[in-house]
Amino acid sequence: MSYAIIRNTKYKRENLKGIFRHNERRNKNYSNDNINKEKSYLNYFK
């Protein structure tokens, strides 16, 4: 059984750059110090 989660949210144009960086893991600093970006390749979707 497959399914999708869809979120419909209004964003302002000035927020889109930050949202994209967050989703693509391109941020330089995160509030969680336990994030190991070198292991990102282990993430997968079922």
C-alpha atoms as a PDB file:
ATOM      1  CA  MET A   1       0.000   0.000   0.000  1.00  0.00           C
ATOM      2  CA  SER A   2       1.453   3.325  -0.998  1.00  0.00           C
ATOM      3  CA  TYR A   3       0.485   6.743   0.249  1.00  0.00           C
ATOM      4  CA  ALA A   4       1.648  10.329   0.168  1.00  0.00           C
ATOM      5  CA  ILE A   5       1.630  13.152   2.660  1.00  0.00           C
ATOM      6  CA  ILE A   6       0.738  16.479   1.116  1.00  0.00           C
ATOM      7  CA  ARG A   7       0.952  19.770   2.968  1.00  0.00           C
ATOM      8  CA  ASN A   8      -0.686  22.866   1.572  1.00  0.00           C
ATOM      9  CA  THR A   9       0.771  25.904   3.247  1.00  0.00           C
ATOM     10  CA  LYS A  10       1.026  29.481   2.064  1.00  0.00           C
ATOM     11  CA  TYR A  11       4.562  30.843   2.017  1.00  0.00           C
ATOM     12  CA  LYS A  12       5.737  34.338   1.330  1.00  0.00           C
ATOM     13  CA  ARG A  13       8.299  34.853  -1.410  1.00  0.00           C
ATOM     14  CA  GLU A  14      10.983  36.056   1.019  1.00  0.00           C
ATOM     15  CA  ASN A  15      10.734  32.804   3.038  1.00  0.00           C
ATOM     16  CA  LEU A  16      11.159  30.389   0.125  1.00  0.00           C
ATOM     17  CA  LYS A  17      14.965  30.573   0.009  1.00  0.00           C
ATOM     18  CA  GLY A  18      15.300  29.548   3.661  1.00  0.00           C
ATOM     19  CA  ILE A  19      12.710  26.794   3.308  1.00  0.00           C
ATOM     20  CA  PHE A  20      14.551  25.376   0.289  1.00  0.00           C
ATOM     21  CA  ARG A  21      17.901  25.409   2.124  1.00  0.00           C
ATOM     22  CA  HIS A  22      16.310  23.605   5.061  1.00  0.00           C
ATOM     23  CA  ASN A  23      14.655  20.925   2.924  1.00  0.00           C
ATOM     24  CA  GLU A  24      17.808  20.289   0.891  1.00  0.00           C
ATOM     25  CA  ARG A  25      20.032  20.209   4.021  1.00  0.00           C
ATOM     26  CA  ARG A  26      22.157  23.101   2.752  1.00  0.00           C
ATOM     27  CA  ASN A  27      22.101  25.107   5.984  1.00  0.00           C
ATOM     28  CA  LYS A  28      25.455  25.806   7.604  1.00  0.00           C
ATOM     29  CA  ASN A  29      24.207  25.843  11.203  1.00  0.00           C
ATOM     30  CA  TYR A  30      21.565  23.718  12.876  1.00  0.00           C
ATOM     31  CA  SER A  31      20.258  24.012  16.407  1.00  0.00           C
ATOM     32  CA  ASN A  32      20.759  20.252  16.865  1.00  0.00           C
ATOM     33  CA  ASP A  33      24.484  19.540  17.255  1.00  0.00           C
ATOM     34  CA  ASN A  34      23.960  15.782  16.777  1.00  0.00           C
ATOM     35  CA  ILE A  35      23.359  16.050  13.024  1.00  0.00           C
ATOM     36  CA  ASN A  36      26.072  14.268  11.050  1.00  0.00           C
ATOM     37  CA  LYS A  37      25.802  15.524   7.462  1.00  0.00           C
ATOM     38  CA  GLU A  38      28.324  12.921   6.261  1.00  0.00           C
ATOM     39  CA  LYS A  39      25.700  10.203   6.824  1.00  0.00           C
ATOM     40  CA  SER A  40      23.012  11.897   4.714  1.00  0.00           C
ATOM     41  CA  TYR A  41      23.445   9.301   1.987  1.00  0.00           C
ATOM     42  CA  LEU A  42      21.972   6.712   4.393  1.00  0.00           C
ATOM     43  CA  ASN A  43      18.600   8.469   4.341  1.00  0.00           C
ATOM     44  CA  TYR A  44      16.054   6.760   2.157  1.00  0.00           C
ATOM     45  CA  PHE A  45      12.334   6.783   1.455  1.00  0.00           C
ATOM     46  CA  LYS A  46      10.183   3.687   1.499  1.00  0.00           C
END
